[in-house]
Amino acid sequence: MVVTDAGGRRAFSTLILNILDENDCAPKFISSVYETSVLADTEDGQALFMVFAVDEDVGDQVEYTVVPDGDTRSSYIRVHPRQGIVSLRKSVRNIGLII
């Protein structure tokens, strides 16, 4: 940058302009469908699979949650909010369930 006074004298300075990323991108799952099979005797807390999503915004971290679906299926699983590890919340023994 240059600044000039009425007498024509000038001074110079360096300007550093950092462009900050705007939080304008929605996160995206890497896969549109995640599917697995669970044995009836699988223990509570057992990890089943991992979901993965990305957000193109700089420094933005995604957070995973299970959304209740109106029936009991969502009550059987949980997801780690940062790691995306899906695990059993409670036993699926003696039920007919597709997760």
N, C-alpha and C. Protein backbone atom coordinates (compact mmCIF):
# COMPACT_ATOMS: atom_id res chain seq x y z
N MET A 1 0.85 -1.17 0.00
CA MET A 1 0.00 0.00 0.00
C MET A 1 0.90 1.23 0.00
N VAL A 2 0.35 2.30 -0.56
CA VAL A 2 1.07 3.58 -0.61
C VAL A 2 0.17 4.66 -0.05
N VAL A 3 0.76 5.54 0.75
CA VAL A 3 0.06 6.72 1.21
C VAL A 3 0.88 7.93 0.78
N THR A 4 0.20 8.94 0.26
CA THR A 4 0.87 10.14 -0.25
C THR A 4 0.28 11.37 0.42
N ASP A 5 1.15 12.30 0.81
CA ASP A 5 0.64 13.54 1.41
C ASP A 5 0.60 14.64 0.34
N ALA A 6 0.15 15.84 0.75
CA ALA A 6 0.00 16.97 -0.18
C ALA A 6 1.33 17.39 -0.79
N GLY A 7 2.43 17.13 -0.12
CA GLY A 7 3.75 17.50 -0.63
C GLY A 7 4.35 16.43 -1.53
N GLY A 8 3.62 15.36 -1.80
CA GLY A 8 4.11 14.30 -2.67
C GLY A 8 4.98 13.26 -1.98
N ARG A 9 5.14 13.39 -0.69
CA ARG A 9 5.93 12.40 0.03
C ARG A 9 5.08 11.14 0.22
N ARG A 10 5.75 9.98 0.13
CA ARG A 10 5.03 8.71 0.20
C ARG A 10 5.63 7.80 1.27
N ALA A 11 4.76 6.95 1.73
CA ALA A 11 5.18 5.86 2.63
C ALA A 11 4.54 4.58 2.11
N PHE A 12 5.25 3.50 2.31
CA PHE A 12 4.77 2.20 1.83
C PHE A 12 4.55 1.26 3.00
N SER A 13 3.61 0.38 2.82
CA SER A 13 3.32 -0.63 3.83
C SER A 13 2.87 -1.89 3.12
N THR A 14 3.04 -3.00 3.77
CA THR A 14 2.58 -4.28 3.23
C THR A 14 1.21 -4.58 3.82
N LEU A 15 0.31 -5.01 2.97
CA LEU A 15 -1.04 -5.40 3.39
C LEU A 15 -1.17 -6.90 3.20
N ILE A 16 -1.54 -7.58 4.25
CA ILE A 16 -1.82 -9.01 4.17
C ILE A 16 -3.32 -9.18 4.37
N LEU A 17 -3.97 -9.77 3.39
CA LEU A 17 -5.41 -9.96 3.42
C LEU A 17 -5.69 -11.45 3.49
N ASN A 18 -6.28 -11.89 4.58
CA ASN A 18 -6.66 -13.30 4.74
C ASN A 18 -8.13 -13.44 4.41
N ILE A 19 -8.44 -14.32 3.47
CA ILE A 19 -9.82 -14.59 3.10
C ILE A 19 -10.31 -15.74 3.97
N LEU A 20 -11.32 -15.50 4.77
CA LEU A 20 -11.86 -16.52 5.66
C LEU A 20 -12.95 -17.29 4.95
N ASP A 21 -12.96 -18.59 5.19
CA ASP A 21 -13.98 -19.44 4.60
C ASP A 21 -15.32 -19.20 5.30
N GLU A 22 -16.36 -19.10 4.52
CA GLU A 22 -17.71 -18.93 5.06
C GLU A 22 -18.31 -20.31 5.28
N ASN A 23 -19.07 -20.48 6.33
CA ASN A 23 -19.72 -21.76 6.59
C ASN A 23 -20.94 -21.89 5.68
N ASP A 24 -20.67 -22.25 4.42
CA ASP A 24 -21.74 -22.28 3.43
C ASP A 24 -21.93 -23.65 2.78
N CYS A 25 -21.14 -24.63 3.18
CA CYS A 25 -21.26 -25.97 2.59
C CYS A 25 -21.89 -26.93 3.60
N ALA A 26 -22.87 -27.67 3.15
CA ALA A 26 -23.48 -28.69 4.01
C ALA A 26 -22.57 -29.92 4.04
N PRO A 27 -22.54 -30.63 5.17
CA PRO A 27 -21.75 -31.87 5.19
C PRO A 27 -22.36 -32.90 4.25
N LYS A 28 -21.52 -33.84 3.79
CA LYS A 28 -21.97 -34.89 2.87
C LYS A 28 -21.46 -36.23 3.36
N PHE A 29 -22.37 -37.23 3.38
CA PHE A 29 -21.95 -38.59 3.68
C PHE A 29 -21.17 -39.13 2.48
N ILE A 30 -20.14 -39.93 2.75
CA ILE A 30 -19.36 -40.55 1.69
C ILE A 30 -20.21 -41.58 0.95
N SER A 31 -21.08 -42.27 1.66
CA SER A 31 -21.99 -43.25 1.06
C SER A 31 -23.42 -42.84 1.38
N SER A 32 -24.32 -43.08 0.44
CA SER A 32 -25.72 -42.72 0.69
C SER A 32 -26.46 -43.79 1.49
N VAL A 33 -25.90 -45.01 1.53
CA VAL A 33 -26.52 -46.11 2.27
C VAL A 33 -25.43 -46.84 3.06
N TYR A 34 -25.72 -47.13 4.31
CA TYR A 34 -24.85 -47.95 5.15
C TYR A 34 -25.68 -49.13 5.60
N GLU A 35 -25.20 -50.34 5.37
CA GLU A 35 -25.99 -51.53 5.68
C GLU A 35 -25.10 -52.57 6.36
N THR A 36 -25.68 -53.28 7.32
CA THR A 36 -24.94 -54.35 7.99
C THR A 36 -25.94 -55.38 8.50
N SER A 37 -25.42 -56.54 8.87
CA SER A 37 -26.21 -57.58 9.52
C SER A 37 -25.70 -57.74 10.94
N VAL A 38 -26.60 -58.05 11.85
CA VAL A 38 -26.24 -58.19 13.26
C VAL A 38 -26.73 -59.55 13.75
N LEU A 39 -25.84 -60.31 14.35
CA LEU A 39 -26.24 -61.58 14.95
C LEU A 39 -27.07 -61.31 16.19
N ALA A 40 -28.04 -62.17 16.46
CA ALA A 40 -28.94 -61.97 17.59
C ALA A 40 -28.21 -61.94 18.93
N ASP A 41 -27.06 -62.63 19.01
CA ASP A 41 -26.35 -62.66 20.29
C ASP A 41 -25.23 -61.61 20.38
N THR A 42 -25.25 -60.63 19.50
CA THR A 42 -24.26 -59.55 19.55
C THR A 42 -24.46 -58.76 20.84
N GLU A 43 -23.36 -58.50 21.53
CA GLU A 43 -23.43 -57.83 22.84
C GLU A 43 -23.71 -56.34 22.71
N ASP A 44 -24.36 -55.80 23.74
CA ASP A 44 -24.59 -54.36 23.83
C ASP A 44 -23.25 -53.64 23.73
N GLY A 45 -23.22 -52.51 23.06
CA GLY A 45 -22.00 -51.73 22.94
C GLY A 45 -21.09 -52.15 21.81
N GLN A 46 -21.39 -53.28 21.17
CA GLN A 46 -20.55 -53.78 20.08
C GLN A 46 -20.59 -52.82 18.90
N ALA A 47 -19.42 -52.45 18.38
CA ALA A 47 -19.36 -51.60 17.19
C ALA A 47 -19.82 -52.41 15.99
N LEU A 48 -20.65 -51.81 15.15
CA LEU A 48 -21.21 -52.49 13.99
C LEU A 48 -20.55 -52.04 12.69
N PHE A 49 -20.40 -50.76 12.53
CA PHE A 49 -19.77 -50.19 11.35
C PHE A 49 -19.48 -48.73 11.62
N MET A 50 -18.90 -48.07 10.64
CA MET A 50 -18.54 -46.66 10.80
C MET A 50 -19.12 -45.87 9.64
N VAL A 51 -19.70 -44.73 9.94
CA VAL A 51 -20.17 -43.82 8.90
C VAL A 51 -19.14 -42.71 8.76
N PHE A 52 -19.11 -42.09 7.59
CA PHE A 52 -18.12 -41.05 7.36
C PHE A 52 -18.73 -39.95 6.51
N ALA A 53 -18.57 -38.72 6.96
CA ALA A 53 -19.05 -37.55 6.22
C ALA A 53 -17.95 -36.50 6.20
N VAL A 54 -18.01 -35.63 5.21
CA VAL A 54 -17.03 -34.54 5.11
C VAL A 54 -17.78 -33.22 4.97
N ASP A 55 -17.12 -32.17 5.38
CA ASP A 55 -17.64 -30.82 5.22
C ASP A 55 -16.52 -30.00 4.59
N GLU A 56 -16.78 -29.40 3.45
CA GLU A 56 -15.75 -28.67 2.72
C GLU A 56 -15.38 -27.33 3.36
N ASP A 57 -16.15 -26.88 4.33
CA ASP A 57 -15.82 -25.63 5.01
C ASP A 57 -14.56 -25.83 5.85
N VAL A 58 -13.66 -24.87 5.80
CA VAL A 58 -12.40 -24.95 6.52
C VAL A 58 -12.65 -25.01 8.03
N GLY A 59 -12.04 -26.00 8.68
CA GLY A 59 -12.12 -26.11 10.13
C GLY A 59 -13.45 -26.61 10.67
N ASP A 60 -14.38 -26.96 9.79
CA ASP A 60 -15.69 -27.40 10.25
C ASP A 60 -15.64 -28.89 10.56
N GLN A 61 -16.09 -29.26 11.75
CA GLN A 61 -16.16 -30.65 12.16
C GLN A 61 -17.59 -31.11 12.08
N VAL A 62 -17.79 -32.31 11.55
CA VAL A 62 -19.15 -32.84 11.50
C VAL A 62 -19.48 -33.49 12.84
N GLU A 63 -20.77 -33.57 13.14
CA GLU A 63 -21.25 -34.23 14.35
C GLU A 63 -22.37 -35.18 13.95
N TYR A 64 -22.23 -36.44 14.35
CA TYR A 64 -23.19 -37.47 14.00
C TYR A 64 -24.21 -37.65 15.11
N THR A 65 -25.47 -37.87 14.74
CA THR A 65 -26.52 -38.20 15.70
C THR A 65 -27.47 -39.20 15.05
N VAL A 66 -28.16 -39.97 15.87
CA VAL A 66 -29.20 -40.87 15.38
C VAL A 66 -30.52 -40.12 15.52
N VAL A 67 -31.26 -40.05 14.43
CA VAL A 67 -32.55 -39.36 14.44
C VAL A 67 -33.65 -40.40 14.67
N PRO A 68 -34.47 -40.23 15.71
CA PRO A 68 -35.58 -41.16 15.93
C PRO A 68 -36.46 -41.25 14.69
N ASP A 69 -36.83 -42.49 14.33
CA ASP A 69 -37.57 -42.68 13.09
C ASP A 69 -39.05 -43.00 13.30
N GLY A 70 -39.55 -42.85 14.49
CA GLY A 70 -40.97 -43.08 14.74
C GLY A 70 -41.29 -44.50 15.15
N ASP A 71 -40.35 -45.43 14.98
CA ASP A 71 -40.57 -46.78 15.51
C ASP A 71 -39.37 -47.13 16.40
N THR A 72 -39.21 -48.39 16.72
CA THR A 72 -38.19 -48.76 17.71
C THR A 72 -36.79 -48.96 17.14
N ARG A 73 -36.62 -49.00 15.83
CA ARG A 73 -35.31 -49.33 15.26
C ARG A 73 -34.20 -48.41 15.74
N SER A 74 -34.46 -47.12 15.74
CA SER A 74 -33.40 -46.18 16.12
C SER A 74 -33.01 -46.29 17.59
N SER A 75 -33.86 -46.88 18.41
CA SER A 75 -33.52 -47.01 19.83
C SER A 75 -32.49 -48.10 20.09
N TYR A 76 -32.20 -48.93 19.09
CA TYR A 76 -31.24 -50.02 19.26
C TYR A 76 -29.81 -49.63 18.91
N ILE A 77 -29.62 -48.50 18.29
CA ILE A 77 -28.27 -48.11 17.90
C ILE A 77 -27.90 -46.73 18.42
N ARG A 78 -26.61 -46.49 18.49
CA ARG A 78 -26.10 -45.16 18.82
C ARG A 78 -24.90 -44.91 17.91
N VAL A 79 -24.55 -43.64 17.77
CA VAL A 79 -23.41 -43.28 16.95
C VAL A 79 -22.52 -42.33 17.75
N HIS A 80 -21.23 -42.56 17.68
CA HIS A 80 -20.29 -41.66 18.36
C HIS A 80 -20.35 -40.32 17.63
N PRO A 81 -20.57 -39.22 18.34
CA PRO A 81 -20.80 -37.92 17.69
C PRO A 81 -19.64 -37.42 16.84
N ARG A 82 -18.41 -37.79 17.15
CA ARG A 82 -17.25 -37.31 16.37
C ARG A 82 -16.65 -38.39 15.47
N GLN A 83 -16.62 -39.64 15.97
CA GLN A 83 -15.94 -40.70 15.23
C GLN A 83 -16.83 -41.40 14.22
N GLY A 84 -18.15 -41.33 14.37
CA GLY A 84 -19.06 -41.97 13.43
C GLY A 84 -19.19 -43.47 13.60
N ILE A 85 -18.74 -43.99 14.74
CA ILE A 85 -18.85 -45.43 14.99
C ILE A 85 -20.26 -45.74 15.45
N VAL A 86 -20.94 -46.62 14.70
CA VAL A 86 -22.31 -47.02 15.03
C VAL A 86 -22.23 -48.32 15.82
N SER A 87 -22.87 -48.34 16.98
CA SER A 87 -22.82 -49.52 17.85
C SER A 87 -24.21 -49.82 18.40
N LEU A 88 -24.33 -51.03 18.97
CA LEU A 88 -25.60 -51.42 19.58
C LEU A 88 -25.78 -50.72 20.91
N ARG A 89 -26.94 -50.15 21.10
CA ARG A 89 -27.29 -49.52 22.37
C ARG A 89 -27.84 -50.58 23.33
N LYS A 90 -28.58 -51.55 22.79
CA LYS A 90 -29.15 -52.62 23.60
C LYS A 90 -29.28 -53.88 22.75
N SER A 91 -29.51 -54.99 23.39
CA SER A 91 -29.55 -56.29 22.73
C SER A 91 -30.68 -56.36 21.69
N VAL A 92 -30.38 -57.06 20.60
CA VAL A 92 -31.40 -57.29 19.57
C VAL A 92 -31.90 -58.73 19.62
N ARG A 93 -31.56 -59.43 20.69
CA ARG A 93 -31.96 -60.83 20.84
C ARG A 93 -33.49 -60.97 20.78
N ASN A 94 -33.94 -61.95 20.06
CA ASN A 94 -35.36 -62.31 19.98
C ASN A 94 -36.25 -61.24 19.36
N ILE A 95 -35.71 -60.44 18.49
CA ILE A 95 -36.57 -59.49 17.77
C ILE A 95 -36.29 -59.61 16.29
N GLY A 96 -37.24 -59.27 15.48
CA GLY A 96 -37.04 -59.18 14.03
C GLY A 96 -36.78 -57.73 13.71
N LEU A 97 -35.55 -57.41 13.35
CA LEU A 97 -35.19 -56.01 13.19
C LEU A 97 -34.24 -55.85 12.02
N ILE A 98 -34.53 -54.91 11.18
CA ILE A 98 -33.60 -54.51 10.12
C ILE A 98 -33.14 -53.12 10.45
N ILE A 99 -31.84 -52.96 10.65
CA ILE A 99 -31.28 -51.64 10.97
C ILE A 99 -30.73 -51.03 9.71
